[in-house]
Amino acid sequence: MKISSLSLFVLLGCLFLNPANVMALHHEPQKESDQQQGKMQSNEGIVVSFIDAGGYTYMELENSGNKFWIAAPTTKVNKGDHIRFVENMVMTNFTSKTLNRTFSTLIFVTSTEVKK
């Protein structure tokens, strides 16, 4: 059985214009992002405390009830600031000789930004 070009064109047109296929070509509505729902990303937190020492600002951040420490190049921050950071390296049982303190986990970051 030989199919003419016109028949093939009509068949393909029917396939692509079928309402079920047209619906599949459209993107599903996206769910609200974490930010729209009021949740913070994993690379964000609220400053609970901070210490400036040895060219770093050590910040204790809180995100969804979890507290953790980051170390960033010296940064001007205040308690309550909403910080977004770019993670570089995670260290466990890191001892800061400058602070004479060991952090169970410390995230070294390359940059931070205070969110408004």
C-alpha atoms as a PDB file:
ATOM      1  CA  MET A   1       0.000   0.000   0.000  1.00  0.00           C
ATOM      2  CA  LYS A   2       1.458   3.291  -1.093  1.00  0.00           C
ATOM      3  CA  ILE A   3       0.738   6.447   0.973  1.00  0.00           C
ATOM      4  CA  SER A   4       0.671   9.709  -0.881  1.00  0.00           C
ATOM      5  CA  SER A   5       2.435  12.787   0.446  1.00  0.00           C
ATOM      6  CA  LEU A   6      -0.918  14.454   1.039  1.00  0.00           C
ATOM      7  CA  SER A   7      -2.202  11.489   3.048  1.00  0.00           C
ATOM      8  CA  LEU A   8       0.961  11.450   5.146  1.00  0.00           C
ATOM      9  CA  PHE A   9       0.672  15.207   5.746  1.00  0.00           C
ATOM     10  CA  VAL A  10      -2.973  14.855   6.865  1.00  0.00           C
ATOM     11  CA  LEU A  11      -2.154  11.905   9.125  1.00  0.00           C
ATOM     12  CA  LEU A  12       0.692  13.785  10.827  1.00  0.00           C
ATOM     13  CA  GLY A  13      -1.478  16.893  11.138  1.00  0.00           C
ATOM     14  CA  CYS A  14      -4.166  14.878  12.900  1.00  0.00           C
ATOM     15  CA  LEU A  15      -1.610  13.398  15.276  1.00  0.00           C
ATOM     16  CA  PHE A  16      -0.078  16.752  16.196  1.00  0.00           C
ATOM     17  CA  LEU A  17      -3.347  18.669  16.394  1.00  0.00           C
ATOM     18  CA  ASN A  18      -5.128  16.066  18.494  1.00  0.00           C
ATOM     19  CA  PRO A  19      -6.154  17.874  21.743  1.00  0.00           C
ATOM     20  CA  ALA A  20      -4.396  15.239  23.876  1.00  0.00           C
ATOM     21  CA  ASN A  21      -1.111  15.859  22.083  1.00  0.00           C
ATOM     22  CA  VAL A  22      -1.538  19.630  22.145  1.00  0.00           C
ATOM     23  CA  MET A  23      -1.988  19.452  25.922  1.00  0.00           C
ATOM     24  CA  ALA A  24       1.180  17.368  26.206  1.00  0.00           C
ATOM     25  CA  LEU A  25       3.151  20.044  24.377  1.00  0.00           C
ATOM     26  CA  HIS A  26       2.316  22.633  27.024  1.00  0.00           C
ATOM     27  CA  HIS A  27       4.216  22.802  30.280  1.00  0.00           C
ATOM     28  CA  GLU A  28       2.417  21.870  33.445  1.00  0.00           C
ATOM     29  CA  PRO A  29       1.922  24.786  35.811  1.00  0.00           C
ATOM     30  CA  GLN A  30       4.877  24.931  38.136  1.00  0.00           C
ATOM     31  CA  LYS A  31       4.374  24.557  41.842  1.00  0.00           C
ATOM     32  CA  GLU A  32       5.099  27.544  43.994  1.00  0.00           C
ATOM     33  CA  SER A  33       8.793  27.845  44.624  1.00  0.00           C
ATOM     34  CA  ASP A  34      10.148  27.531  48.137  1.00  0.00           C
ATOM     35  CA  GLN A  35      10.709  31.267  48.128  1.00  0.00           C
ATOM     36  CA  GLN A  36       7.049  31.980  47.293  1.00  0.00           C
ATOM     37  CA  GLN A  37       5.989  29.636  50.091  1.00  0.00           C
ATOM     38  CA  GLY A  38       8.205  31.508  52.553  1.00  0.00           C
ATOM     39  CA  LYS A  39      10.771  28.710  52.847  1.00  0.00           C
ATOM     40  CA  MET A  40      14.483  29.388  52.532  1.00  0.00           C
ATOM     41  CA  GLN A  41      16.799  27.639  50.106  1.00  0.00           C
ATOM     42  CA  SER A  42      19.464  25.331  51.601  1.00  0.00           C
ATOM     43  CA  ASN A  43      22.127  27.978  50.880  1.00  0.00           C
ATOM     44  CA  GLU A  44      20.414  30.612  53.033  1.00  0.00           C
ATOM     45  CA  GLY A  45      19.901  31.382  56.682  1.00  0.00           C
ATOM     46  CA  ILE A  46      19.190  34.010  59.308  1.00  0.00           C
ATOM     47  CA  VAL A  47      22.223  35.225  61.275  1.00  0.00           C
ATOM     48  CA  VAL A  48      21.992  34.055  64.892  1.00  0.00           C
ATOM     49  CA  SER A  49      25.525  35.082  65.862  1.00  0.00           C
ATOM     50  CA  PHE A  50      28.806  35.976  64.195  1.00  0.00           C
ATOM     51  CA  ILE A  51      32.511  36.332  64.966  1.00  0.00           C
ATOM     52  CA  ASP A  52      35.107  38.240  62.930  1.00  0.00           C
ATOM     53  CA  ALA A  53      38.575  36.699  63.126  1.00  0.00           C
ATOM     54  CA  GLY A  54      41.599  36.059  60.920  1.00  0.00           C
ATOM     55  CA  GLY A  55      40.157  37.464  57.699  1.00  0.00           C
ATOM     56  CA  TYR A  56      36.903  35.494  58.055  1.00  0.00           C
ATOM     57  CA  THR A  57      33.453  36.149  59.391  1.00  0.00           C
ATOM     58  CA  TYR A  58      32.119  33.046  61.090  1.00  0.00           C
ATOM     59  CA  MET A  59      28.314  33.127  61.024  1.00  0.00           C
ATOM     60  CA  GLU A  60      25.911  30.879  62.854  1.00  0.00           C
ATOM     61  CA  LEU A  61      22.835  30.667  60.637  1.00  0.00           C
ATOM     62  CA  GLU A  62      19.367  29.248  61.239  1.00  0.00           C
ATOM     63  CA  ASN A  63      17.235  27.746  58.473  1.00  0.00           C
ATOM     64  CA  SER A  64      13.956  25.928  59.210  1.00  0.00           C
ATOM     65  CA  GLY A  65      14.970  25.253  62.808  1.00  0.00           C
ATOM     66  CA  ASN A  66      18.448  23.963  61.897  1.00  0.00           C
ATOM     67  CA  LYS A  67      21.509  25.897  63.032  1.00  0.00           C
ATOM     68  CA  PHE A  68      24.846  25.672  61.223  1.00  0.00           C
ATOM     69  CA  TRP A  69      28.067  27.639  60.850  1.00  0.00           C
ATOM     70  CA  ILE A  70      29.605  29.158  57.735  1.00  0.00           C
ATOM     71  CA  ALA A  71      32.936  30.926  57.280  1.00  0.00           C
ATOM     72  CA  ALA A  72      33.066  33.693  54.686  1.00  0.00           C
ATOM     73  CA  PRO A  73      35.617  36.315  53.735  1.00  0.00           C
ATOM     74  CA  THR A  74      35.198  39.213  56.184  1.00  0.00           C
ATOM     75  CA  THR A  75      31.625  40.409  55.788  1.00  0.00           C
ATOM     76  CA  LYS A  76      29.599  43.114  57.528  1.00  0.00           C
ATOM     77  CA  VAL A  77      26.509  41.412  58.966  1.00  0.00           C
ATOM     78  CA  ASN A  78      24.069  41.924  61.803  1.00  0.00           C
ATOM     79  CA  LYS A  79      22.008  39.523  63.857  1.00  0.00           C
ATOM     80  CA  GLY A  80      18.758  38.839  62.055  1.00  0.00           C
ATOM     81  CA  ASP A  81      20.169  39.420  58.550  1.00  0.00           C
ATOM     82  CA  HIS A  82      18.949  36.996  55.882  1.00  0.00           C
ATOM     83  CA  ILE A  83      22.091  35.643  54.210  1.00  0.00           C
ATOM     84  CA  ARG A  84      22.462  33.761  50.935  1.00  0.00           C
ATOM     85  CA  PHE A  85      25.841  32.117  50.323  1.00  0.00           C
ATOM     86  CA  VAL A  86      27.820  30.208  47.717  1.00  0.00           C
ATOM     87  CA  GLU A  87      29.189  27.022  49.253  1.00  0.00           C
ATOM     88  CA  ASN A  88      32.767  26.075  48.538  1.00  0.00           C
ATOM     89  CA  MET A  89      33.784  23.313  50.969  1.00  0.00           C
ATOM     90  CA  VAL A  90      32.360  21.547  54.025  1.00  0.00           C
ATOM     91  CA  MET A  91      34.732  20.654  56.848  1.00  0.00           C
ATOM     92  CA  THR A  92      33.915  18.390  59.783  1.00  0.00           C
ATOM     93  CA  ASN A  93      35.580  18.768  63.173  1.00  0.00           C
ATOM     94  CA  PHE A  94      37.311  21.918  61.940  1.00  0.00           C
ATOM     95  CA  THR A  95      39.502  23.616  64.537  1.00  0.00           C
ATOM     96  CA  SER A  96      40.037  27.344  64.196  1.00  0.00           C
ATOM     97  CA  LYS A  97      43.346  28.178  65.859  1.00  0.00           C
ATOM     98  CA  THR A  98      42.427  31.878  65.802  1.00  0.00           C
ATOM     99  CA  LEU A  99      39.215  31.246  67.757  1.00  0.00           C
ATOM    100  CA  ASN A 100      40.580  28.296  69.740  1.00  0.00           C
ATOM    101  CA  ARG A 101      37.363  26.509  68.869  1.00  0.00           C
ATOM    102  CA  THR A 102      36.328  23.334  67.040  1.00  0.00           C
ATOM    103  CA  PHE A 103      33.234  23.380  64.824  1.00  0.00           C
ATOM    104  CA  SER A 104      31.533  20.011  64.336  1.00  0.00           C
ATOM    105  CA  THR A 105      30.679  21.162  60.796  1.00  0.00           C
ATOM    106  CA  LEU A 106      31.808  24.362  59.116  1.00  0.00           C
ATOM    107  CA  ILE A 107      30.867  25.405  55.599  1.00  0.00           C
ATOM    108  CA  PHE A 108      33.484  27.560  53.898  1.00  0.00           C
ATOM    109  CA  VAL A 109      31.825  29.878  51.409  1.00  0.00           C
ATOM    110  CA  THR A 110      33.208  31.985  48.580  1.00  0.00           C
ATOM    111  CA  SER A 111      30.659  34.780  48.811  1.00  0.00           C
ATOM    112  CA  THR A 112      27.651  35.986  50.753  1.00  0.00           C
ATOM    113  CA  GLU A 113      24.833  38.382  50.093  1.00  0.00           C
ATOM    114  CA  VAL A 114      22.430  40.003  52.525  1.00  0.00           C
ATOM    115  CA  LYS A 115      18.919  39.528  51.140  1.00  0.00           C
ATOM    116  CA  LYS A 116      16.520  42.427  51.506  1.00  0.00           C
END
